[in-house]
Amino acid sequence: MKERRWFVTVMAVLLNGLLALGGSGEAAERVYIDITQPSFERLPIAVPSFKWDNQEASSVSTESAEALSRALDFSGLFRPLDPRGFLDDPQQMGIALEEIQFPMWRRLGAEFLVRGRCRVTGDGIEMEMRLFDVVASRQVVGKIYEGRREDWREMVYRFADEILLALTGERGVFGTKIAYVQIEGQSKEIYLVDFDGSSPIAVTRDNSVNLSPAWSPDGSQLAYVSYVEGPPKVFAVNLGTGTRRLLFGFPGLNITPAWRPGTRELAATLSKDGNPDIFLVSDSGEVLRPLVKTWAIEVSPSWSPQGDRFAYVSNETGNPQIYVAEADGGRGRRITFEGTYNTSPSWSPKGDWIAYSSLRDGRHDIFVIRPDGSESRRLTHGEGDNEAPSWSPDGRMLAFSSTRDGGAPAVWVMLANGESVRRLTRGGGGQELPRWSPRFD
């Protein structure tokens, strides 16, 4: 994979935004969206086509506005208005605060408005985007970006993150990626896709079975299990250079790797001593110590955000159940007692929930539970099999594999409360085992 190509942010501007916001203190105090609430009404936002300064920018101006609108809709926080209802030609509308016709946008039902401008010069592009509070007739945030022409989509995603930061206090998931397993006949390959399901790209192409993608804490590497050399071994690919290296391949099983936050260590299930247990291993392949070692089978570790605890699956009581253990040793504590087959734990980046898959009434569904075993909640409800949940880096969404459309599994996403379910991947023999990337800072 080519080096991730970042554009240069030339200027972070409020332009006349200090005046528009009534001072930075007022802007900081205003809360637009409380993302701690379990549900809320989406905010209506208008995203008309961007202005273009020259003919070369006309097509990218329209595409940019459409991409931004889709991204904001994907967040689950906004309801983009249909641009067919906009009254004026966007090319004739200004983008500065004093040029915005706030009464017109209020009549159309918009509470927020994004205006943008594009200019293409040779292989380069400059994009200016501004967010306005229509109700208060204020500018909230404005940015100017410049870079290569092909970087326009990343510029749009960067500004979408700025919108969420301004309105919620947290950045979104725009610009993140999701790794997953693509089923191709008898082989399984690791793929990456943008957060919204666009631009799929193969990470492996060895006509083997590759499973369990796992992101390094900084998102620069992807560990995975491969049978390319026979027994399963854990490899890592550098996503900037595309180079692959063997992390470890001890005798027996080497499966379900999980990078420990803030370190170069991984938890993984190894059977080098005979029984499948969870060990802590350095990324140079050195076994540091056992994390869970019993007579039972332990798999699928998932770290807490601080890396001081981890969830895992064990059949210690017969059927697979979810346990939580301390990273410095000691026996794990079982936290799931409902459902006969509970697997695939995924610890929220906020630390407050563990998502998992549970077999109920003949179907696998996604549940969340507190790390202490309290307050279990069901998120999916018997529409096909729903498995392998993975949290977005902001903790607001879950990716998972599902057969709810019938046939082969695909990668879907939903809000953390189970709402706004949408399909991300299509085609081929199916897609499974999604893993959401961290933010690429």
Protein backbone atom coordinates (compact mmCIF):
# COMPACT_ATOMS: atom_id res chain seq x y z
CA MET A 1 0.00 0.00 0.00
CA LYS A 2 1.27 3.45 -0.83
CA GLU A 3 2.27 5.84 1.89
CA ARG A 4 -0.79 7.53 3.31
CA ARG A 5 -0.94 10.86 1.52
CA TRP A 6 -1.80 13.81 3.67
CA PHE A 7 -2.57 17.18 2.32
CA VAL A 8 -1.25 20.34 3.90
CA THR A 9 -3.54 22.49 5.96
CA VAL A 10 -2.57 25.97 4.91
CA MET A 11 -4.71 28.00 7.19
CA ALA A 12 -7.15 27.33 9.99
CA VAL A 13 -9.38 30.33 9.80
CA LEU A 14 -12.28 31.72 11.63
CA LEU A 15 -11.89 34.50 9.08
CA ASN A 16 -14.34 36.92 10.63
CA GLY A 17 -15.27 34.01 12.88
CA LEU A 18 -14.26 35.66 16.13
CA LEU A 19 -16.86 38.28 15.40
CA ALA A 20 -19.27 35.64 14.14
CA LEU A 21 -18.92 33.59 17.28
CA GLY A 22 -19.07 36.51 19.61
CA GLY A 23 -15.64 35.63 20.97
CA SER A 24 -13.96 32.30 21.64
CA GLY A 25 -15.31 32.09 25.18
CA GLU A 26 -18.92 32.07 24.01
CA ALA A 27 -18.12 29.49 21.34
CA ALA A 28 -16.54 27.18 23.88
CA GLU A 29 -19.47 27.46 26.27
CA ARG A 30 -22.21 26.64 23.78
CA VAL A 31 -23.17 22.95 23.60
CA TYR A 32 -24.85 22.03 20.32
CA ILE A 33 -25.00 18.23 20.58
CA ASP A 34 -24.79 16.17 23.77
CA ILE A 35 -23.34 12.90 22.45
CA THR A 36 -23.69 11.26 25.87
CA GLN A 37 -27.43 10.97 25.35
CA PRO A 38 -28.60 7.53 24.15
CA SER A 39 -30.73 9.04 21.37
CA PHE A 40 -31.54 12.45 19.95
CA GLU A 41 -33.13 14.06 16.95
CA ARG A 42 -30.79 14.58 14.03
CA LEU A 43 -29.92 18.18 13.25
CA PRO A 44 -31.08 19.42 9.82
CA ILE A 45 -28.11 20.72 7.85
CA ALA A 46 -27.87 22.19 4.35
CA VAL A 47 -24.82 21.40 2.21
CA PRO A 48 -25.29 23.06 -1.21
CA SER A 49 -22.72 22.55 -3.96
CA PHE A 50 -19.50 24.45 -3.38
CA LYS A 51 -18.60 27.48 -5.44
CA TRP A 52 -15.84 27.03 -7.98
CA ASP A 53 -13.35 29.70 -8.94
CA ASN A 54 -12.46 28.17 -12.31
CA GLN A 55 -13.99 25.62 -14.66
CA GLU A 56 -11.52 22.91 -13.66
CA ALA A 57 -13.01 22.95 -10.15
CA SER A 58 -16.68 22.64 -11.15
CA SER A 59 -16.97 18.84 -10.93
CA VAL A 60 -14.98 18.48 -7.71
CA SER A 61 -17.09 21.24 -6.14
CA THR A 62 -20.25 19.18 -6.58
CA GLU A 63 -18.55 15.93 -5.55
CA SER A 64 -17.10 17.56 -2.44
CA ALA A 65 -20.47 18.80 -1.21
CA GLU A 66 -22.05 15.41 -1.87
CA ALA A 67 -19.23 13.59 -0.04
CA LEU A 68 -19.52 15.94 2.94
CA SER A 69 -23.29 15.48 3.06
CA ARG A 70 -22.92 11.68 3.04
CA ALA A 71 -20.28 11.82 5.77
CA LEU A 72 -22.45 13.97 8.04
CA ASP A 73 -25.41 11.67 7.46
CA PHE A 74 -23.19 8.68 8.29
CA SER A 75 -22.35 10.21 11.68
CA GLY A 76 -25.94 9.74 12.82
CA LEU A 77 -25.99 13.30 14.16
CA PHE A 78 -27.21 15.19 11.11
CA ARG A 79 -30.08 15.06 8.62
CA PRO A 80 -28.83 16.60 5.37
CA LEU A 81 -31.55 18.45 3.49
CA ASP A 82 -32.36 17.52 -0.11
CA PRO A 83 -30.44 20.01 -2.30
CA ARG A 84 -33.24 19.91 -4.86
CA GLY A 85 -35.20 22.09 -2.46
CA PHE A 86 -32.60 24.85 -2.34
CA LEU A 87 -33.89 28.04 -3.93
CA ASP A 88 -30.78 29.78 -5.23
CA ASP A 89 -27.92 28.77 -7.50
CA PRO A 90 -25.02 27.80 -5.18
CA GLN A 91 -22.57 29.28 -7.67
CA GLN A 92 -24.20 32.69 -7.19
CA MET A 93 -24.28 32.47 -3.38
CA GLY A 94 -21.48 33.90 -1.28
CA ILE A 95 -19.66 32.01 1.45
CA ALA A 96 -18.71 34.85 3.81
CA LEU A 97 -20.83 35.55 6.89
CA GLU A 98 -22.22 38.82 5.56
CA GLU A 99 -23.29 37.09 2.32
CA ILE A 100 -25.33 34.29 3.91
CA GLN A 101 -29.12 34.63 3.57
CA PHE A 102 -29.96 33.19 6.98
CA PRO A 103 -33.75 33.87 6.76
CA MET A 104 -33.96 31.83 3.55
CA TRP A 105 -32.16 28.86 5.10
CA ARG A 106 -34.35 29.06 8.20
CA ARG A 107 -37.45 28.91 5.99
CA LEU A 108 -36.05 25.76 4.39
CA GLY A 109 -35.73 24.17 7.83
CA ALA A 110 -31.94 24.22 8.12
CA GLU A 111 -30.36 24.70 11.52
CA PHE A 112 -26.83 24.53 10.14
CA LEU A 113 -25.31 25.39 6.78
CA VAL A 114 -22.01 24.52 5.11
CA ARG A 115 -20.68 26.72 2.33
CA GLY A 116 -17.53 25.95 0.40
CA ARG A 117 -15.31 27.13 -2.41
CA CYS A 118 -12.88 25.20 -4.66
CA ARG A 119 -10.04 26.36 -6.86
CA VAL A 120 -7.96 23.99 -9.01
CA THR A 121 -4.54 25.05 -10.31
CA GLY A 122 -2.73 22.39 -12.32
CA ASP A 123 -2.30 19.37 -10.06
CA GLY A 124 -3.18 21.34 -6.94
CA ILE A 125 -6.41 22.29 -5.25
CA GLU A 126 -7.45 24.83 -2.63
CA MET A 127 -10.66 24.30 -0.68
CA GLU A 128 -12.35 26.66 1.76
CA MET A 129 -15.24 25.41 3.89
CA ARG A 130 -17.32 27.15 6.55
CA LEU A 131 -19.99 25.97 8.97
CA PHE A 132 -22.76 28.38 9.99
CA ASP A 133 -25.33 28.25 12.77
CA VAL A 134 -28.45 29.28 10.85
CA VAL A 135 -30.59 29.77 13.95
CA ALA A 136 -28.10 32.15 15.58
CA SER A 137 -26.80 33.66 12.29
CA ARG A 138 -23.23 32.87 13.29
CA GLN A 139 -20.20 31.28 11.73
CA VAL A 140 -19.07 28.34 13.83
CA VAL A 141 -15.82 27.29 12.15
CA GLY A 142 -13.99 27.83 8.87
CA LYS A 143 -10.96 26.16 7.29
CA ILE A 144 -8.84 26.56 4.18
CA TYR A 145 -6.92 23.54 2.89
CA GLU A 146 -4.59 23.09 -0.05
CA GLY A 147 -2.85 20.06 -1.50
CA ARG A 148 -2.89 17.76 -4.46
CA ARG A 149 -6.00 17.58 -6.56
CA GLU A 150 -6.63 13.94 -5.66
CA ASP A 151 -6.64 14.83 -1.94
CA TRP A 152 -9.98 16.64 -2.09
CA ARG A 153 -11.85 13.81 -0.36
CA GLU A 154 -9.48 13.83 2.62
CA MET A 155 -9.92 17.59 2.87
CA VAL A 156 -13.68 17.08 3.04
CA TYR A 157 -13.32 14.43 5.73
CA ARG A 158 -10.99 16.67 7.72
CA PHE A 159 -13.60 19.41 7.69
CA ALA A 160 -16.33 16.94 8.66
CA ASP A 161 -14.21 16.13 11.71
CA GLU A 162 -13.91 19.86 12.44
CA ILE A 163 -17.70 20.14 12.32
CA LEU A 164 -18.11 17.38 14.89
CA LEU A 165 -15.37 18.84 17.06
CA ALA A 166 -17.06 22.24 17.03
CA LEU A 167 -20.53 20.90 17.78
CA THR A 168 -19.81 17.97 20.11
CA GLY A 169 -16.35 18.59 21.53
CA GLU A 170 -15.02 15.39 19.90
CA ARG A 171 -13.75 14.53 16.45
CA GLY A 172 -15.61 11.95 14.41
CA VAL A 173 -14.47 8.88 12.50
CA PHE A 174 -14.09 10.55 9.11
CA GLY A 175 -10.83 9.46 7.56
CA THR A 176 -10.67 6.21 9.54
CA LYS A 177 -10.70 2.79 7.90
CA ILE A 178 -12.15 -0.63 8.59
CA ALA A 179 -10.16 -3.82 8.04
CA TYR A 180 -12.10 -6.98 7.27
CA VAL A 181 -11.81 -10.47 5.81
CA GLN A 182 -12.93 -10.87 2.20
CA ILE A 183 -14.14 -14.38 1.35
CA GLU A 184 -12.91 -15.41 -2.09
CA GLY A 185 -13.75 -19.05 -2.82
CA GLN A 186 -11.51 -21.20 -0.63
CA SER A 187 -9.26 -18.31 0.30
CA LYS A 188 -9.75 -15.37 2.64
CA GLU A 189 -7.92 -12.08 2.17
CA ILE A 190 -7.54 -8.99 4.36
CA TYR A 191 -9.03 -5.80 2.91
CA LEU A 192 -9.33 -2.18 3.97
CA VAL A 193 -12.24 0.12 3.27
CA ASP A 194 -12.92 3.75 4.13
CA PHE A 195 -15.19 4.41 7.11
CA ASP A 196 -18.20 4.76 4.80
CA GLY A 197 -17.55 1.64 2.72
CA SER A 198 -15.81 3.37 -0.17
CA SER A 199 -12.43 2.62 -1.75
CA PRO A 200 -11.85 -1.06 -0.83
CA ILE A 201 -8.24 -2.18 -1.21
CA ALA A 202 -6.57 -5.57 -0.71
CA VAL A 203 -3.90 -5.87 1.98
CA THR A 204 -3.11 -9.53 1.30
CA ARG A 205 -3.10 -11.34 -2.03
CA ASP A 206 -1.61 -14.78 -1.36
CA ASN A 207 -4.57 -17.10 -2.10
CA SER A 208 -4.45 -18.41 1.44
CA VAL A 209 -6.60 -18.06 4.54
CA ASN A 210 -5.98 -14.79 6.40
CA LEU A 211 -7.99 -13.92 9.50
CA SER A 212 -8.25 -11.71 12.59
CA PRO A 213 -6.98 -8.29 11.43
CA ALA A 214 -5.75 -6.20 14.38
CA TRP A 215 -4.68 -2.54 14.25
CA SER A 216 -1.54 -1.29 15.95
CA PRO A 217 -2.26 1.57 18.38
CA ASP A 218 -1.06 4.23 15.93
CA GLY A 219 -2.76 2.65 12.91
CA SER A 220 0.50 2.20 11.00
CA GLN A 221 0.47 -1.60 11.08
CA LEU A 222 -2.09 -4.34 10.73
CA ALA A 223 -1.46 -7.69 12.39
CA TYR A 224 -3.33 -10.74 11.14
CA VAL A 225 -3.32 -14.53 11.23
CA SER A 226 -2.25 -16.32 8.07
CA TYR A 227 -2.11 -19.96 7.00
CA VAL A 228 0.10 -19.09 4.02
CA GLU A 229 3.02 -21.13 5.41
CA GLY A 230 0.88 -23.97 6.78
CA PRO A 231 -0.01 -23.73 10.49
CA PRO A 232 -1.42 -20.35 11.57
CA LYS A 233 1.15 -17.64 12.25
CA VAL A 234 0.81 -13.96 13.09
CA PHE A 235 2.14 -11.47 10.56
CA ALA A 236 2.11 -7.67 10.42
CA VAL A 237 1.99 -5.43 7.36
CA ASN A 238 3.26 -1.87 7.38
CA LEU A 239 0.45 0.09 5.75
CA GLY A 240 2.78 2.86 4.66
CA THR A 241 5.27 0.68 2.80
CA GLY A 242 3.29 -2.51 2.22
CA THR A 243 6.10 -4.63 3.68
CA ARG A 244 5.11 -7.75 5.60
CA ARG A 245 6.96 -9.45 8.44
CA LEU A 246 6.42 -12.46 10.65
CA LEU A 247 5.64 -11.44 14.23
CA PHE A 248 5.54 -14.91 15.71
CA GLY A 249 4.88 -18.48 14.66
CA PHE A 250 5.37 -20.82 17.59
CA PRO A 251 4.56 -24.53 17.27
CA GLY A 252 0.81 -25.07 17.31
CA LEU A 253 -1.76 -22.29 17.21
CA ASN A 254 -0.94 -18.59 16.91
CA ILE A 255 -4.32 -16.85 16.67
CA THR A 256 -6.52 -13.87 17.69
CA PRO A 257 -3.83 -11.17 18.13
CA ALA A 258 -4.70 -7.86 19.83
CA TRP A 259 -2.29 -4.93 20.21
CA ARG A 260 -2.03 -3.54 23.72
CA PRO A 261 -2.85 0.20 23.76
CA GLY A 262 0.17 2.49 23.87
CA THR A 263 2.71 -0.33 23.54
CA ARG A 264 4.43 -2.60 21.03
CA GLU A 265 2.98 -5.69 22.70
CA LEU A 266 0.20 -8.02 21.65
CA ALA A 267 -2.04 -10.46 23.46
CA ALA A 268 -2.61 -13.63 21.45
CA THR A 269 -3.69 -17.22 21.89
CA LEU A 270 -0.78 -19.66 21.63
CA SER A 271 -0.80 -23.43 22.06
CA LYS A 272 2.98 -23.81 22.17
CA ASP A 273 2.70 -25.53 25.56
CA GLY A 274 -0.14 -27.79 24.43
CA ASN A 275 -3.23 -25.92 25.60
CA PRO A 276 -4.54 -22.76 23.87
CA ASP A 277 -3.85 -19.97 26.37
CA ILE A 278 -3.46 -16.20 26.10
CA PHE A 279 0.09 -14.80 26.25
CA LEU A 280 1.64 -11.35 26.07
CA VAL A 281 4.10 -11.19 23.16
CA SER A 282 6.35 -8.37 21.97
CA ASP A 283 6.15 -7.30 18.34
CA SER A 284 9.64 -8.78 17.93
CA GLY A 285 8.22 -12.21 18.74
CA GLU A 286 9.36 -12.60 22.36
CA VAL A 287 6.89 -14.22 24.75
CA LEU A 288 6.80 -11.89 27.75
CA ARG A 289 4.47 -13.82 30.04
CA PRO A 290 1.20 -15.73 30.15
CA LEU A 291 -1.89 -13.60 30.69
CA VAL A 292 -4.42 -16.41 31.16
CA LYS A 293 -3.27 -20.00 31.57
CA THR A 294 -5.80 -22.65 32.63
CA TRP A 295 -6.89 -26.11 31.53
CA ALA A 296 -9.62 -24.48 29.38
CA ILE A 297 -9.39 -22.83 25.95
CA GLU A 298 -8.94 -19.04 25.99
CA VAL A 299 -9.16 -16.92 22.84
CA SER A 300 -10.09 -13.48 21.45
CA PRO A 301 -8.46 -11.00 23.87
CA SER A 302 -9.68 -7.39 23.69
CA TRP A 303 -7.90 -4.70 25.70
CA SER A 304 -9.41 -1.95 27.81
CA PRO A 305 -8.43 1.56 26.64
CA GLN A 306 -5.80 1.86 29.38
CA GLY A 307 -4.35 -1.59 28.65
CA ASP A 308 -4.66 -2.63 32.30
CA ARG A 309 -7.43 -5.19 31.70
CA PHE A 310 -8.67 -7.32 28.87
CA ALA A 311 -11.77 -9.27 27.96
CA TYR A 312 -11.54 -12.72 26.44
CA VAL A 313 -13.50 -15.89 25.68
CA SER A 314 -13.14 -19.10 27.68
CA ASN A 315 -14.97 -22.42 27.78
CA GLU A 316 -13.99 -22.93 31.41
CA THR A 317 -17.64 -23.55 32.38
CA GLY A 318 -18.49 -25.57 29.27
CA ASN A 319 -19.77 -23.23 26.55
CA PRO A 320 -17.88 -20.09 25.48
CA GLN A 321 -18.42 -17.12 27.79
CA ILE A 322 -16.89 -13.64 28.19
CA TYR A 323 -14.38 -13.06 31.00
CA VAL A 324 -12.39 -10.03 32.19
CA ALA A 325 -8.90 -10.28 33.68
CA GLU A 326 -6.23 -7.92 34.97
CA ALA A 327 -3.17 -7.50 32.77
CA ASP A 328 -0.81 -8.08 35.69
CA GLY A 329 -2.17 -11.55 36.42
CA GLY A 330 -4.84 -13.34 38.38
CA ARG A 331 -7.86 -15.37 37.38
CA GLY A 332 -10.40 -13.96 35.01
CA ARG A 333 -13.91 -13.14 36.16
CA ARG A 334 -16.89 -14.28 34.11
CA ILE A 335 -19.25 -11.44 33.12
CA THR A 336 -21.79 -13.13 30.79
CA PHE A 337 -24.39 -15.52 32.20
CA GLU A 338 -27.16 -15.28 29.61
CA GLY A 339 -26.85 -17.01 26.26
CA THR A 340 -25.17 -20.34 25.66
CA TYR A 341 -22.49 -19.13 23.25
CA ASN A 342 -20.92 -15.71 23.89
CA THR A 343 -17.89 -14.69 21.81
CA SER A 344 -16.01 -11.85 20.09
CA PRO A 345 -15.62 -9.31 22.92
CA SER A 346 -14.71 -5.76 21.90
CA TRP A 347 -13.93 -3.19 24.60
CA SER A 348 -15.21 0.32 23.92
CA PRO A 349 -12.54 3.03 23.52
CA LYS A 350 -14.42 4.97 26.21
CA GLY A 351 -14.04 1.99 28.54
CA ASP A 352 -17.70 1.85 29.52
CA TRP A 353 -19.00 -1.11 27.46
CA ILE A 354 -17.89 -4.44 26.07
CA ALA A 355 -19.66 -5.47 22.88
CA TYR A 356 -19.97 -9.17 22.06
CA SER A 357 -21.91 -11.71 20.03
CA SER A 358 -24.40 -13.99 21.78
CA LEU A 359 -26.34 -16.99 20.50
CA ARG A 360 -30.01 -16.57 21.37
CA ASP A 361 -32.93 -18.53 19.89
CA GLY A 362 -30.75 -19.99 17.17
CA ARG A 363 -29.34 -16.63 16.01
CA HIS A 364 -26.18 -14.70 16.82
CA ASP A 365 -26.88 -11.12 17.91
CA ILE A 366 -24.82 -8.17 19.14
CA PHE A 367 -25.04 -7.20 22.81
CA VAL A 368 -23.16 -4.77 25.05
CA ILE A 369 -22.42 -5.24 28.72
CA ARG A 370 -20.64 -3.25 31.40
CA PRO A 371 -17.12 -4.49 32.24
CA ASP A 372 -18.37 -5.52 35.68
CA GLY A 373 -21.05 -7.74 34.11
CA SER A 374 -24.00 -5.44 34.77
CA GLU A 375 -26.52 -3.82 32.44
CA SER A 376 -26.51 -6.10 29.40
CA ARG A 377 -28.29 -4.57 26.38
CA ARG A 378 -29.31 -6.15 23.10
CA LEU A 379 -28.51 -4.13 19.96
CA THR A 380 -29.61 -6.46 17.12
CA HIS A 381 -32.73 -8.58 17.08
CA GLY A 382 -32.65 -11.80 15.10
CA GLU A 383 -32.20 -10.36 11.61
CA GLY A 384 -29.77 -12.97 10.32
CA ASP A 385 -26.59 -13.71 12.26
CA ASN A 386 -24.78 -10.67 13.67
CA GLU A 387 -21.24 -11.25 14.87
CA ALA A 388 -17.73 -9.86 15.45
CA PRO A 389 -18.51 -6.31 16.71
CA SER A 390 -15.80 -3.66 16.59
CA TRP A 391 -16.01 -0.13 18.02
CA SER A 392 -15.31 3.05 16.11
CA PRO A 393 -12.50 5.10 17.73
CA ASP A 394 -14.99 7.63 19.12
CA GLY A 395 -17.10 4.89 20.74
CA ARG A 396 -20.27 6.04 18.97
CA MET A 397 -20.57 3.25 16.40
CA LEU A 398 -20.05 -0.46 15.94
CA ALA A 399 -19.02 -2.34 12.82
CA PHE A 400 -20.08 -5.98 12.65
CA SER A 401 -20.65 -8.80 10.18
CA SER A 402 -24.22 -9.78 9.40
CA THR A 403 -26.26 -12.04 7.12
CA ARG A 404 -29.40 -9.94 7.58
CA ASP A 405 -29.76 -9.45 3.83
CA GLY A 406 -29.64 -13.20 3.28
CA GLY A 407 -26.77 -15.20 1.83
CA ALA A 408 -23.15 -14.34 2.51
CA PRO A 409 -22.13 -12.08 5.40
CA ALA A 410 -21.29 -8.41 4.87
CA VAL A 411 -19.89 -5.63 7.03
CA TRP A 412 -22.52 -3.36 8.56
CA VAL A 413 -22.34 -0.42 10.96
CA MET A 414 -24.78 0.94 13.52
CA LEU A 415 -24.87 3.53 16.26
CA ALA A 416 -23.89 2.29 19.70
CA ASN A 417 -27.57 2.24 20.70
CA GLY A 418 -28.43 -0.13 17.82
CA GLU A 419 -30.01 2.52 15.59
CA SER A 420 -29.15 3.63 12.03
CA VAL A 421 -28.01 0.23 10.77
CA ARG A 422 -26.46 0.39 7.31
CA ARG A 423 -24.51 -1.92 5.04
CA LEU A 424 -20.91 -1.03 4.12
CA THR A 425 -19.57 -3.83 1.91
CA ARG A 426 -20.89 -5.83 -1.03
CA GLY A 427 -19.83 -8.36 -3.62
CA GLY A 428 -17.68 -11.45 -3.75
CA GLY A 429 -18.20 -14.34 -1.41
CA GLY A 430 -18.88 -12.13 1.59
CA GLN A 431 -17.05 -10.05 4.19
CA GLU A 432 -16.54 -10.78 7.88
CA LEU A 433 -14.50 -10.00 11.00
CA PRO A 434 -14.38 -6.19 10.70
CA ARG A 435 -11.93 -4.19 12.79
CA TRP A 436 -12.19 -0.39 12.98
CA SER A 437 -8.95 1.58 12.83
CA PRO A 438 -7.82 4.19 15.33
CA ARG A 439 -7.76 7.80 14.18
CA PHE A 440 -4.84 8.65 11.93
CA ASP A 441 -3.37 11.69 13.67
